[in-house]
N, C-alpha and C. Protein backbone atom coordinates (compact mmCIF):
# COMPACT_ATOMS: atom_id res chain seq x y z
N MET A 1 97.38 98.82 75.74
CA MET A 1 98.67 99.53 75.06
C MET A 1 98.94 101.31 75.88
N TYR A 2 99.95 101.72 76.82
CA TYR A 2 100.38 102.91 77.46
C TYR A 2 100.26 104.02 75.83
N ARG A 3 99.67 104.94 76.39
CA ARG A 3 99.11 106.30 75.81
C ARG A 3 99.32 107.66 76.55
N ARG A 4 100.02 108.19 76.38
CA ARG A 4 100.78 109.14 77.33
C ARG A 4 99.49 110.38 77.24
N CYS A 5 99.38 110.68 78.19
CA CYS A 5 98.19 112.12 78.27
C CYS A 5 98.82 112.76 77.63
N GLY A 6 97.96 113.88 76.88
CA GLY A 6 98.43 115.33 76.02
C GLY A 6 97.20 116.04 76.18
N PHE A 7 97.15 116.91 74.90
CA PHE A 7 96.11 117.84 75.06
C PHE A 7 95.63 117.89 73.05
N ARG A 8 95.88 116.68 73.12
CA ARG A 8 95.25 116.38 71.63
C ARG A 8 93.71 117.16 71.60
N TYR A 9 92.60 116.90 72.44
CA TYR A 9 91.32 116.87 72.22
C TYR A 9 91.32 118.65 72.69
N GLU A 10 92.00 119.06 73.61
CA GLU A 10 92.20 120.63 73.88
C GLU A 10 92.72 121.50 72.68
N ARG A 11 93.92 121.03 72.16
CA ARG A 11 94.25 121.76 70.70
C ARG A 11 93.01 121.70 69.55
N LYS A 12 92.24 120.73 69.87
CA LYS A 12 91.54 120.65 68.79
C LYS A 12 90.21 121.74 68.96
N LEU A 13 89.92 122.23 70.16
CA LEU A 13 89.24 122.79 70.74
C LEU A 13 89.50 124.29 70.63
N ARG A 14 91.07 124.54 70.90
CA ARG A 14 91.35 125.99 70.30
C ARG A 14 91.41 126.30 69.24
N ALA A 15 91.92 124.94 68.24
CA ALA A 15 91.85 125.73 67.12
C ALA A 15 90.63 126.16 66.43
N ILE A 16 89.21 126.36 67.09
CA ILE A 16 88.10 126.27 66.71
C ILE A 16 87.95 127.39 67.80
N GLY A 17 88.40 128.19 68.31
CA GLY A 17 88.67 129.39 69.33
C GLY A 17 88.01 129.16 70.71
N VAL A 18 88.11 128.07 71.27
CA VAL A 18 87.58 127.82 72.50
C VAL A 18 88.45 127.66 73.30
N THR A 19 88.90 128.62 74.38
CA THR A 19 89.67 128.66 74.78
C THR A 19 89.84 128.06 76.19
N ARG A 20 88.50 128.53 77.38
CA ARG A 20 88.37 127.72 78.45
C ARG A 20 87.90 126.39 78.46
N ILE A 21 88.77 125.43 78.44
CA ILE A 21 88.41 124.12 78.62
C ILE A 21 88.82 123.29 79.72
N ALA A 22 87.48 122.84 80.31
CA ALA A 22 87.29 121.99 81.78
C ALA A 22 87.75 120.56 81.54
N GLY A 23 88.49 119.86 82.78
CA GLY A 23 88.30 118.17 82.49
C GLY A 23 87.54 117.95 83.72
N VAL A 24 86.72 116.88 83.49
CA VAL A 24 86.26 116.22 84.90
C VAL A 24 85.96 114.89 84.53
N ASP A 25 86.43 114.27 86.23
CA ASP A 25 86.12 113.11 86.64
C ASP A 25 85.96 113.10 87.55
N GLU A 26 85.72 111.69 87.98
CA GLU A 26 84.66 111.24 88.98
C GLU A 26 86.16 110.15 90.05
N ALA A 27 85.55 109.99 91.39
CA ALA A 27 85.87 109.00 91.89
C ALA A 27 85.11 108.52 92.94
N GLY A 28 85.42 107.12 93.18
CA GLY A 28 84.41 106.61 94.09
C GLY A 28 83.38 105.87 93.84
N ARG A 29 82.85 105.82 92.30
CA ARG A 29 81.73 105.30 91.85
C ARG A 29 81.68 103.99 92.14
N GLY A 30 82.08 103.13 91.88
CA GLY A 30 82.52 101.53 92.25
C GLY A 30 82.59 101.32 93.53
N ALA A 31 82.65 102.20 94.66
CA ALA A 31 82.75 101.56 95.94
C ALA A 31 81.44 101.27 96.70
N LEU A 32 81.66 100.78 97.78
CA LEU A 32 80.33 100.08 98.71
C LEU A 32 80.09 100.98 99.59
N ALA A 33 81.18 102.05 100.07
CA ALA A 33 80.87 103.05 101.24
C ALA A 33 81.80 104.24 100.70
N GLY A 34 81.10 105.48 101.42
CA GLY A 34 81.63 106.90 101.34
C GLY A 34 81.09 107.50 100.50
N PRO A 35 81.17 108.79 100.03
CA PRO A 35 80.85 109.45 98.75
C PRO A 35 81.51 109.25 97.59
N VAL A 36 80.83 109.77 96.48
CA VAL A 36 81.02 109.96 95.02
C VAL A 36 81.66 111.48 94.98
N ALA A 37 83.12 111.36 94.43
CA ALA A 37 83.80 112.77 94.49
C ALA A 37 83.55 113.25 92.92
N ALA A 38 83.86 114.10 92.47
CA ALA A 38 83.92 114.56 91.11
C ALA A 38 84.63 115.96 91.27
N ALA A 39 85.97 116.08 90.39
CA ALA A 39 86.50 117.54 90.25
C ALA A 39 86.38 117.89 88.54
N ALA A 40 86.85 119.16 89.01
CA ALA A 40 86.66 120.30 87.87
C ALA A 40 87.71 120.59 87.78
N VAL A 41 88.63 120.71 86.27
CA VAL A 41 89.86 121.69 86.30
C VAL A 41 90.28 122.34 85.12
N ILE A 42 90.12 123.46 85.21
CA ILE A 42 90.80 124.24 84.00
C ILE A 42 92.54 124.36 84.04
N LEU A 43 93.31 123.91 83.30
CA LEU A 43 94.68 123.97 82.88
C LEU A 43 95.01 125.32 82.24
N PRO A 44 96.03 125.89 82.67
CA PRO A 44 96.49 127.24 81.49
C PRO A 44 97.14 126.11 80.09
N GLU A 45 96.96 127.28 78.98
CA GLU A 45 97.07 126.70 77.55
C GLU A 45 98.68 126.18 77.87
N LYS A 46 99.60 126.24 78.78
CA LYS A 46 101.09 126.29 78.10
C LYS A 46 101.36 125.31 79.46
N PHE A 47 100.34 124.52 80.49
CA PHE A 47 100.84 123.74 81.20
C PHE A 47 101.76 122.56 80.82
N ARG A 48 102.85 122.40 81.49
CA ARG A 48 103.12 121.25 81.13
C ARG A 48 103.45 120.39 82.71
N HIS A 49 103.52 118.96 82.40
CA HIS A 49 103.91 118.37 83.47
C HIS A 49 103.99 116.75 82.86
N ARG A 50 105.68 116.46 83.24
CA ARG A 50 105.98 115.23 82.64
C ARG A 50 105.45 113.60 83.54
N ARG A 51 105.00 113.78 84.98
CA ARG A 51 104.56 112.84 85.39
C ARG A 51 102.81 112.93 85.25
N LEU A 52 102.45 113.82 85.05
CA LEU A 52 100.46 113.60 85.40
C LEU A 52 100.28 113.07 84.39
N ASN A 53 98.77 111.90 84.81
CA ASN A 53 98.55 111.05 84.25
C ASN A 53 97.30 110.09 84.83
N ASP A 54 96.43 109.68 84.51
CA ASP A 54 95.48 108.71 85.17
C ASP A 54 95.87 108.63 86.09
N SER A 55 94.84 108.64 86.97
CA SER A 55 95.12 108.91 88.56
C SER A 55 95.31 107.27 89.05
N LYS A 56 94.39 106.58 88.07
CA LYS A 56 94.43 105.09 88.71
C LYS A 56 95.94 104.28 87.97
N GLN A 57 96.94 105.40 87.64
CA GLN A 57 98.28 104.56 86.87
C GLN A 57 99.41 105.14 87.78
N LEU A 58 98.68 105.91 88.73
CA LEU A 58 99.85 106.77 89.51
C LEU A 58 100.12 105.77 91.15
N ALA A 59 101.34 105.94 91.38
CA ALA A 59 101.63 105.30 92.63
C ALA A 59 100.81 106.15 94.04
N PRO A 60 100.13 106.06 94.93
CA PRO A 60 99.58 106.87 95.59
C PRO A 60 100.30 108.01 96.04
N GLU A 61 101.73 107.94 96.42
CA GLU A 61 102.57 109.05 97.22
C GLU A 61 102.86 109.81 95.64
N LEU A 62 103.09 109.62 94.64
CA LEU A 62 103.25 110.50 93.53
C LEU A 62 102.03 110.79 93.18
N ARG A 63 100.69 110.60 93.16
CA ARG A 63 99.58 110.88 93.20
C ARG A 63 99.09 111.99 94.39
N GLU A 64 99.33 111.89 95.33
CA GLU A 64 99.31 112.96 96.33
C GLU A 64 100.31 114.40 96.37
N GLU A 65 101.46 114.11 95.68
CA GLU A 65 102.44 114.74 95.39
C GLU A 65 101.70 115.67 94.18
N ILE A 66 101.37 114.97 92.94
CA ILE A 66 100.72 116.07 91.87
C ILE A 66 99.91 116.66 92.41
N TYR A 67 99.21 116.31 93.03
CA TYR A 67 97.49 116.84 93.97
C TYR A 67 98.22 117.91 94.63
N CYS A 68 98.93 118.28 95.03
CA CYS A 68 99.76 119.52 95.83
C CYS A 68 100.08 120.30 94.78
N GLU A 69 100.97 120.05 93.87
CA GLU A 69 101.54 120.58 92.66
C GLU A 69 99.99 121.34 92.04
N LEU A 70 99.00 120.68 91.78
CA LEU A 70 97.68 121.20 91.00
C LEU A 70 97.11 122.34 91.78
N ILE A 71 96.35 122.07 93.26
CA ILE A 71 95.98 122.80 93.80
C ILE A 71 96.44 123.94 94.45
N SER A 72 98.06 123.95 94.34
CA SER A 72 98.69 125.20 94.60
C SER A 72 99.07 125.89 93.53
N ASN A 73 98.74 125.36 92.58
CA ASN A 73 99.14 126.41 91.37
C ASN A 73 97.86 127.21 91.34
N PRO A 74 98.44 128.91 91.21
CA PRO A 74 97.62 129.83 90.94
C PRO A 74 97.12 130.08 89.19
N GLN A 75 97.50 129.24 88.61
CA GLN A 75 97.45 129.04 87.33
C GLN A 75 96.14 128.38 86.84
N ILE A 76 95.89 127.53 87.78
CA ILE A 76 94.96 126.12 87.65
C ILE A 76 93.55 126.70 88.86
N SER A 77 92.57 126.60 87.60
CA SER A 77 90.97 126.61 88.54
C SER A 77 90.69 125.10 88.79
N TRP A 78 90.03 124.85 89.85
CA TRP A 78 89.53 123.61 90.15
C TRP A 78 88.51 124.13 91.16
N ALA A 79 87.78 122.70 91.30
CA ALA A 79 86.94 122.54 92.30
C ALA A 79 86.43 121.41 92.53
N VAL A 80 85.66 120.84 93.41
CA VAL A 80 85.14 119.29 93.59
C VAL A 80 83.63 119.51 93.94
N GLY A 81 83.13 118.16 93.56
CA GLY A 81 81.51 118.06 93.91
C GLY A 81 81.29 116.70 94.80
N ILE A 82 80.84 116.85 96.12
CA ILE A 82 81.00 115.44 96.27
C ILE A 82 79.48 115.16 96.76
N ILE A 83 79.23 114.17 96.72
CA ILE A 83 77.46 113.56 97.10
C ILE A 83 77.79 112.39 97.91
N ASP A 84 77.08 112.21 99.04
CA ASP A 84 77.59 111.18 99.99
C ASP A 84 76.42 110.15 99.83
N SER A 85 76.83 109.28 100.63
CA SER A 85 76.39 107.71 100.61
C SER A 85 74.55 107.92 100.67
N ILE A 86 74.00 108.89 101.65
CA ILE A 86 72.71 108.69 101.61
C ILE A 86 71.93 109.26 100.47
N GLU A 87 72.70 110.26 99.77
CA GLU A 87 72.09 110.64 98.36
C GLU A 87 72.20 109.23 97.39
N ILE A 88 73.79 108.76 97.30
CA ILE A 88 73.76 108.02 96.37
C ILE A 88 72.72 106.88 96.51
N ASP A 89 72.16 106.28 97.78
CA ASP A 89 71.03 105.57 97.78
C ASP A 89 70.13 106.11 97.46
N ARG A 90 69.36 106.96 97.77
CA ARG A 90 68.26 107.98 97.19
C ARG A 90 68.05 108.05 95.53
N ILE A 91 68.81 108.11 95.03
CA ILE A 91 68.92 108.76 93.69
C ILE A 91 69.75 107.72 92.52
N ASN A 92 70.22 106.59 93.19
CA ASN A 92 71.56 105.63 92.32
C ASN A 92 72.81 106.34 91.90
N ILE A 93 73.50 105.29 92.10
CA ILE A 93 74.82 105.80 91.66
C ILE A 93 75.32 106.61 90.42
N LEU A 94 74.29 106.34 89.20
CA LEU A 94 74.88 107.24 88.02
C LEU A 94 74.37 108.55 88.14
N ARG A 95 72.93 108.28 88.84
CA ARG A 95 72.42 109.90 88.82
C ARG A 95 73.48 110.98 89.81
N ALA A 96 73.78 110.14 91.09
CA ALA A 96 74.91 110.88 91.92
C ALA A 96 76.24 111.25 91.60
N THR A 97 76.30 110.52 90.48
CA THR A 97 77.82 110.89 90.07
C THR A 97 77.58 112.07 89.05
N HIS A 98 76.54 111.98 88.20
CA HIS A 98 76.40 112.94 87.59
C HIS A 98 76.28 114.52 88.16
N LYS A 99 75.58 114.29 89.53
CA LYS A 99 75.52 115.25 90.33
C LYS A 99 76.53 116.03 90.69
N ALA A 100 77.11 114.89 91.03
CA ALA A 100 78.57 115.77 91.63
C ALA A 100 79.54 116.27 90.27
N MET A 101 79.36 115.93 89.23
CA MET A 101 80.01 116.54 88.16
C MET A 101 79.62 117.80 88.07
N ARG A 102 78.48 117.62 88.09
CA ARG A 102 77.55 119.25 87.67
C ARG A 102 77.98 120.25 88.77
N ALA A 103 78.10 119.82 90.23
CA ALA A 103 78.50 120.57 90.95
C ALA A 103 79.67 121.12 90.95
N ALA A 104 80.71 120.08 90.92
CA ALA A 104 82.10 120.67 90.39
C ALA A 104 82.62 121.48 89.74
N ILE A 105 81.56 121.42 88.18
CA ILE A 105 81.94 122.67 87.21
C ILE A 105 81.07 123.47 87.39
N THR A 106 80.19 124.18 88.08
CA THR A 106 79.48 125.17 88.19
C THR A 106 80.27 125.47 89.32
N ALA A 107 80.97 125.12 90.41
CA ALA A 107 81.68 125.74 91.52
C ALA A 107 83.03 126.36 91.02
N LEU A 108 83.57 126.13 89.81
CA LEU A 108 84.88 126.59 88.87
C LEU A 108 84.80 128.23 89.24
N SER A 109 85.67 128.88 89.54
CA SER A 109 85.71 130.27 89.75
C SER A 109 86.00 130.63 88.16
N ILE A 110 86.23 130.36 86.91
CA ILE A 110 86.20 130.63 85.68
C ILE A 110 85.10 129.59 85.02
N THR A 111 84.51 130.42 84.24
CA THR A 111 83.10 129.49 83.44
C THR A 111 84.00 129.09 82.36
N PRO A 112 83.50 127.59 82.28
CA PRO A 112 84.23 127.13 81.11
C PRO A 112 83.38 127.08 79.82
N ASP A 113 84.18 127.37 78.86
CA ASP A 113 83.68 127.64 77.22
C ASP A 113 82.95 125.87 76.81
N HIS A 114 84.01 124.84 77.13
CA HIS A 114 83.74 123.71 76.99
C HIS A 114 84.36 122.76 77.85
N VAL A 115 83.80 121.68 77.92
CA VAL A 115 83.99 120.54 79.26
C VAL A 115 84.32 119.16 78.50
N LEU A 116 85.10 118.66 78.85
CA LEU A 116 85.91 117.11 78.04
C LEU A 116 85.55 116.53 79.45
N ILE A 117 84.72 115.42 79.51
CA ILE A 117 84.24 114.53 80.64
C ILE A 117 84.58 112.98 80.72
N ASP A 118 85.56 112.60 81.67
CA ASP A 118 85.57 111.26 81.46
C ASP A 118 84.77 109.78 81.13
N GLY A 119 84.60 109.47 80.42
CA GLY A 119 83.34 108.53 79.96
C GLY A 119 82.13 108.79 79.06
N LEU A 120 80.82 108.48 79.57
CA LEU A 120 79.70 109.13 78.73
C LEU A 120 79.45 110.38 79.08
N PRO A 121 78.64 110.81 78.10
CA PRO A 121 77.87 112.20 78.23
C PRO A 121 77.09 112.08 79.50
N VAL A 122 77.06 113.39 79.97
CA VAL A 122 76.40 113.62 81.36
C VAL A 122 75.06 114.45 80.74
N ILE A 123 74.12 114.25 81.07
CA ILE A 123 72.63 114.60 80.68
C ILE A 123 71.75 114.45 81.72
N PRO A 124 70.98 116.25 81.97
CA PRO A 124 71.76 117.12 81.16
C PRO A 124 72.97 117.61 82.10
N PHE A 125 73.56 118.90 81.50
CA PHE A 125 74.83 119.51 81.57
C PHE A 125 74.84 121.00 81.54
N PRO A 126 75.35 121.54 81.99
CA PRO A 126 75.33 122.82 81.95
C PRO A 126 76.13 123.68 80.96
N PHE A 127 77.22 122.88 80.54
CA PHE A 127 78.19 123.26 79.14
C PHE A 127 78.27 122.52 78.12
N PRO A 128 78.58 123.50 77.01
CA PRO A 128 79.13 121.99 75.88
C PRO A 128 80.03 121.39 76.22
N GLN A 129 80.01 119.61 75.85
CA GLN A 129 80.54 118.84 76.58
C GLN A 129 81.20 117.99 75.35
N THR A 130 82.36 117.31 75.40
CA THR A 130 82.65 116.14 74.91
C THR A 130 82.87 114.80 75.40
N ALA A 131 82.35 113.67 75.54
CA ALA A 131 82.61 112.53 76.44
C ALA A 131 83.57 112.20 75.66
N ILE A 132 84.92 111.38 76.73
CA ILE A 132 85.70 110.79 75.99
C ILE A 132 85.88 109.25 76.98
N ILE A 133 86.14 108.17 76.40
CA ILE A 133 86.06 106.90 77.21
C ILE A 133 87.77 106.71 77.33
N ASP A 134 88.00 106.34 78.46
CA ASP A 134 89.53 106.71 78.92
C ASP A 134 90.38 107.86 78.72
N GLY A 135 88.92 108.72 79.09
CA GLY A 135 89.89 110.21 78.85
C GLY A 135 90.85 110.83 79.72
N ASP A 136 90.71 110.09 81.46
CA ASP A 136 91.96 110.35 81.63
C ASP A 136 93.18 109.94 81.40
N CYS A 137 93.17 109.05 80.48
CA CYS A 137 94.43 108.75 79.63
C CYS A 137 95.00 109.22 78.52
N PHE A 138 93.92 110.26 78.20
CA PHE A 138 94.14 110.82 76.98
C PHE A 138 94.52 112.77 77.28
N SER A 139 93.25 112.86 78.16
CA SER A 139 93.74 114.58 78.28
C SER A 139 93.92 114.50 79.51
N LEU A 140 95.09 115.87 79.54
CA LEU A 140 95.72 116.11 80.56
C LEU A 140 95.04 116.85 81.51
N SER A 141 93.72 117.08 80.77
CA SER A 141 93.01 118.03 81.99
C SER A 141 91.81 117.15 82.69
N ILE A 142 91.56 116.03 81.88
CA ILE A 142 90.74 115.27 82.75
C ILE A 142 91.61 114.65 83.70
N ALA A 143 92.96 114.03 83.34
CA ALA A 143 93.84 113.54 84.77
C ALA A 143 93.87 114.24 85.45
N ALA A 144 94.52 115.87 85.33
CA ALA A 144 94.05 116.71 86.43
C ALA A 144 93.00 116.23 87.39
N ALA A 145 91.64 116.17 87.05
CA ALA A 145 90.70 116.15 87.38
C ALA A 145 90.65 114.78 88.26
N SER A 146 91.45 113.67 87.75
CA SER A 146 90.95 112.43 88.75
C SER A 146 91.96 112.52 89.37
N VAL A 147 93.42 113.02 89.31
CA VAL A 147 93.85 113.07 90.59
C VAL A 147 93.15 113.67 91.87
N ILE A 148 92.80 115.04 91.31
CA ILE A 148 92.17 116.01 92.45
C ILE A 148 90.90 115.15 92.99
N ALA A 149 89.67 114.54 92.14
CA ALA A 149 89.36 113.70 92.53
C ALA A 149 89.23 112.73 93.30
N LYS A 150 90.01 111.76 93.30
CA LYS A 150 90.95 110.45 93.92
C LYS A 150 91.48 110.82 95.16
N VAL A 151 92.45 111.75 95.00
CA VAL A 151 92.90 112.31 96.47
C VAL A 151 91.97 112.83 97.42
N THR A 152 91.14 113.82 96.94
CA THR A 152 90.18 114.29 97.99
C THR A 152 89.29 113.24 98.78
N ARG A 153 89.06 112.19 97.72
CA ARG A 153 88.04 111.01 98.50
C ARG A 153 88.81 110.50 99.48
N ASP A 154 90.29 109.71 98.66
CA ASP A 154 90.59 108.94 99.77
C ASP A 154 90.86 109.84 101.27
N MET A 155 91.40 111.54 100.97
CA MET A 155 91.56 111.94 102.26
C MET A 155 90.03 111.64 103.23
N MET A 156 88.71 112.00 102.15
CA MET A 156 87.46 111.81 103.35
C MET A 156 87.53 110.30 103.91
N MET A 157 88.19 109.19 103.12
CA MET A 157 87.85 108.33 103.72
C MET A 157 88.99 107.72 104.86
N ARG A 158 90.08 108.28 104.78
CA ARG A 158 90.86 107.82 105.86
C ARG A 158 90.12 108.97 106.99
N ASP A 159 89.59 110.12 106.89
CA ASP A 159 89.05 110.72 107.79
C ASP A 159 87.86 109.77 108.58
N PHE A 160 87.34 108.93 108.05
CA PHE A 160 85.84 108.03 108.17
C PHE A 160 86.68 106.88 108.75
N CYS A 161 87.86 106.62 108.39
CA CYS A 161 88.62 105.83 109.35
C CYS A 161 88.79 105.67 110.62
N ALA A 162 89.00 107.05 111.09
CA ALA A 162 89.04 107.34 112.25
C ALA A 162 87.92 107.63 112.92
N ARG A 163 86.58 107.75 112.26
CA ARG A 163 85.56 107.40 112.90
C ARG A 163 84.93 106.00 112.97
N PHE A 164 85.12 105.24 112.01
CA PHE A 164 84.76 103.90 112.32
C PHE A 164 85.74 102.79 111.55
N PRO A 165 87.10 102.76 112.98
CA PRO A 165 88.33 102.22 112.79
C PRO A 165 87.79 100.57 112.38
N GLU A 166 86.87 100.10 113.03
CA GLU A 166 86.54 98.75 112.60
C GLU A 166 86.61 97.77 111.29
N TYR A 167 86.03 99.16 109.88
CA TYR A 167 86.23 98.58 108.92
C TYR A 167 87.81 98.95 107.98
N CYS A 168 88.55 99.80 108.52
CA CYS A 168 90.06 99.95 107.98
C CYS A 168 89.47 100.57 106.82
N PHE A 169 88.88 101.60 106.92
CA PHE A 169 88.45 102.08 105.27
C PHE A 169 89.87 102.96 104.35
N SER A 170 90.67 103.24 105.35
CA SER A 170 92.30 103.84 105.07
C SER A 170 92.76 102.75 104.02
N GLN A 171 92.29 101.29 104.71
CA GLN A 171 93.00 100.60 103.50
C GLN A 171 92.25 100.17 102.29
N HIS A 172 90.99 100.03 102.21
CA HIS A 172 90.70 99.65 100.90
C HIS A 172 89.88 101.10 100.20
N LYS A 173 89.29 102.29 100.99
CA LYS A 173 88.78 103.55 100.64
C LYS A 173 87.89 103.05 100.13
N GLY A 174 86.89 101.85 100.81
CA GLY A 174 86.05 101.50 100.69
C GLY A 174 85.10 100.91 99.40
N TYR A 175 86.28 100.20 98.83
CA TYR A 175 85.87 99.19 97.54
C TYR A 175 85.75 98.12 97.85
N THR A 176 85.60 97.24 96.81
CA THR A 176 85.07 95.66 97.48
C THR A 176 86.59 95.12 97.31
N THR A 177 86.86 94.89 98.35
CA THR A 177 88.17 94.17 99.19
C THR A 177 87.92 92.85 99.52
N GLU A 178 88.54 91.87 99.55
CA GLU A 178 88.24 90.60 100.66
C GLU A 178 88.10 91.23 101.90
N LEU A 179 89.00 92.15 102.31
CA LEU A 179 88.95 92.51 103.75
C LEU A 179 87.71 93.39 104.42
N HIS A 180 87.33 94.09 103.20
CA HIS A 180 86.37 95.13 103.35
C HIS A 180 85.09 94.09 103.40
N LEU A 181 84.55 93.14 102.88
CA LEU A 181 83.76 92.15 103.01
C LEU A 181 83.90 91.49 104.12
N LEU A 182 84.85 91.25 104.67
CA LEU A 182 85.08 90.40 105.64
C LEU A 182 84.54 91.37 107.25
N LYS A 183 84.95 92.63 106.97
CA LYS A 183 84.58 93.66 107.74
C LYS A 183 83.30 93.65 107.79
N LEU A 184 82.77 93.81 106.86
CA LEU A 184 80.82 93.94 106.71
C LEU A 184 80.15 93.03 107.09
N ASN A 185 80.85 91.84 106.64
CA ASN A 185 80.29 90.56 107.53
C ASN A 185 80.33 90.58 108.81
N GLU A 186 81.31 90.99 109.71
CA GLU A 186 81.64 90.90 110.76
C GLU A 186 80.17 91.83 111.65
N PHE A 187 80.74 92.92 110.90
CA PHE A 187 80.39 94.17 111.75
C PHE A 187 78.80 94.94 111.53
N GLY A 188 78.44 94.29 110.39
CA GLY A 188 77.10 94.91 109.26
C GLY A 188 77.78 96.29 108.89
N PRO A 189 76.68 96.94 108.03
CA PRO A 189 77.04 98.29 107.62
C PRO A 189 77.00 99.41 108.50
N CYS A 190 78.00 100.47 108.29
CA CYS A 190 77.81 101.47 108.97
C CYS A 190 77.22 102.87 108.10
N PRO A 191 77.10 104.03 109.13
CA PRO A 191 76.33 104.98 108.71
C PRO A 191 76.86 105.45 107.19
N ILE A 192 78.16 105.05 106.52
CA ILE A 192 78.63 105.57 105.37
C ILE A 192 78.47 104.35 104.20
N HIS A 193 77.86 103.55 104.46
CA HIS A 193 77.55 102.45 103.61
C HIS A 193 76.67 102.88 102.61
N ARG A 194 76.76 102.30 101.34
CA ARG A 194 75.72 102.49 100.55
C ARG A 194 74.63 101.15 100.37
N ARG A 195 73.68 101.51 101.30
CA ARG A 195 72.70 100.26 101.47
C ARG A 195 71.93 99.57 100.14
N SER A 196 72.32 100.33 98.89
CA SER A 196 71.29 99.78 97.71
C SER A 196 72.29 99.26 97.07
N PHE A 197 73.76 98.79 97.62
CA PHE A 197 74.44 98.12 96.62
C PHE A 197 74.34 96.76 97.49
N GLU A 198 74.42 95.64 96.78
CA GLU A 198 74.22 94.31 97.19
C GLU A 198 75.23 93.88 97.76
N PRO A 199 76.33 93.89 97.78
CA PRO A 199 77.27 93.25 98.63
C PRO A 199 77.13 93.85 100.16
N VAL A 200 76.67 95.27 100.07
CA VAL A 200 76.30 95.69 102.02
C VAL A 200 75.53 94.98 102.10
N ALA A 201 74.23 94.45 101.53
CA ALA A 201 73.31 93.56 101.96
C ALA A 201 73.35 92.59 102.56
N GLN A 202 74.64 91.43 101.63
CA GLN A 202 74.96 90.16 101.42
C GLN A 202 76.27 90.21 101.30
N PRO A 203 77.12 90.71 102.25
CA PRO A 203 78.87 90.60 102.33
C PRO A 203 79.26 89.65 102.02
N LEU A 204 78.69 88.17 102.93
CA LEU A 204 79.07 86.87 102.93
C LEU A 204 78.84 86.18 101.44
N LEU A 205 77.85 86.35 100.37
CA LEU A 205 77.66 86.13 99.17
C LEU A 205 78.45 87.00 98.48
N ALA A 206 78.56 87.92 98.79
CA ALA A 206 79.84 88.66 98.02
C ALA A 206 81.15 88.31 97.91
N LEU A 207 81.47 87.81 99.45
CA LEU A 207 83.13 87.64 99.33
C LEU A 207 83.19 86.31 98.82
N GLU A 208 81.81 85.51 98.74
CA GLU A 208 82.20 84.26 98.25
C GLU A 208 82.17 84.25 96.55
N GLY A 209 81.71 85.37 96.08
CA GLY A 209 81.92 85.63 94.40
C GLY A 209 83.18 86.28 94.02
N PHE A 210 83.66 87.45 95.16
CA PHE A 210 84.88 87.89 95.42
C PHE A 210 85.99 86.96 95.10
N ILE A 211 85.99 85.89 95.92
CA ILE A 211 87.05 84.84 96.28
C ILE A 211 87.13 84.16 94.51
N GLN A 212 85.93 83.83 94.33
CA GLN A 212 85.69 82.85 93.03
C GLN A 212 86.17 83.37 91.88
N THR A 213 85.92 84.86 91.57
CA THR A 213 86.25 85.47 90.50
C THR A 213 87.82 86.40 90.78
N ALA A 214 88.35 86.29 92.14
CA ALA A 214 89.65 86.98 92.16
C ALA A 214 90.58 86.64 91.26
N THR A 215 90.51 85.69 90.57
CA THR A 215 91.73 85.47 89.34
C THR A 215 91.33 85.22 88.27
N SER A 216 89.90 85.50 87.90
CA SER A 216 89.28 85.41 86.50
C SER A 216 89.63 86.98 85.57
N PRO A 217 90.32 86.58 84.64
CA PRO A 217 90.03 87.72 83.93
C PRO A 217 88.89 88.87 83.47
N ALA A 218 87.71 88.31 83.47
CA ALA A 218 86.62 88.43 83.00
C ALA A 218 85.69 88.92 84.51
N ARG A 219 86.27 89.53 85.38
CA ARG A 219 85.34 90.08 86.26
C ARG A 219 83.86 90.66 86.47
N ARG A 220 82.92 90.01 86.86
CA ARG A 220 81.61 90.74 86.73
C ARG A 220 81.36 91.91 88.18
N PRO A 221 80.99 93.36 87.43
CA PRO A 221 80.90 93.73 88.46
C PRO A 221 79.79 93.67 89.22
N TRP A 222 79.56 94.53 90.64
CA TRP A 222 78.49 94.18 91.49
C TRP A 222 77.20 94.99 90.85
N ARG A 223 76.25 94.48 91.55
CA ARG A 223 75.12 94.99 90.84
C ARG A 223 74.78 95.77 92.32
N GLU A 224 73.62 96.95 91.99
CA GLU A 224 72.87 97.92 93.00
C GLU A 224 71.70 96.98 92.99
N VAL A 225 71.25 97.02 94.19
CA VAL A 225 70.14 95.93 94.14
C VAL A 225 68.63 96.72 93.58
N GLY A 226 68.20 95.66 92.63
CA GLY A 226 67.13 96.58 91.85
C GLY A 226 67.33 97.79 90.80
N LEU A 227 68.64 97.61 90.74
CA LEU A 227 68.95 98.55 89.50
C LEU A 227 69.83 97.98 88.36
N PRO A 228 69.99 98.18 87.38
CA PRO A 228 71.08 97.89 86.41
C PRO A 228 72.34 98.50 86.63
N LEU A 229 73.31 97.94 86.86
CA LEU A 229 74.69 98.60 86.95
C LEU A 229 74.93 99.90 85.65
N PRO A 230 75.00 100.93 86.08
CA PRO A 230 75.46 102.21 85.04
C PRO A 230 76.58 101.62 84.20
N ALA A 231 76.97 101.94 83.17
CA ALA A 231 78.08 101.82 82.30
C ALA A 231 79.46 102.84 83.00
N ALA A 232 80.24 102.39 82.95
CA ALA A 232 81.39 102.77 83.78
C ALA A 232 81.85 103.87 82.81
């Protein structure tokens, strides 16, 4: 069911005297290549935006338009944390995602009093937090972070596409698609592929599984080699 983003969580915090509230979200956690990006955003109390929503529910053109509006607004404090594929392979994707979130929140020009995080709690974390499942659908602060994280990462993947054109990163942004798996099978992994992710090591097997489950309503997420898949 569609739920319009708003300030319900932010209002509850302001009612008890919390004023500087940041939203945090990530992009690229489930990709097979490229970095994971996290954004932290503090919106002004009177902020209004009729079109801002979870970045996954926005068309790419609208998402980039909203991104430009957000980052050019002097009343909005924002920052991004980036963890590359080498570090993802070294510490695993869950820890890398949390590291990107901590990097983003500590890079803000304004120190937050409280942080709203999309998903599950991040431990350890430098500020008080409220974790909200599907928070980018409920909180405008998290939705703003989701847009900035997503567009930032997409721009990086387009740059990588120029360096590694044979993989067509600008089309799939490093995620598990039939095209990406075909290119992986043809060319093998490139320097930005996450080698700890099973489909990178076995793209043909992953492609067969992808085709089998493409129309299934209950898709199984890809596993990391030797590591349980963390909760989304």
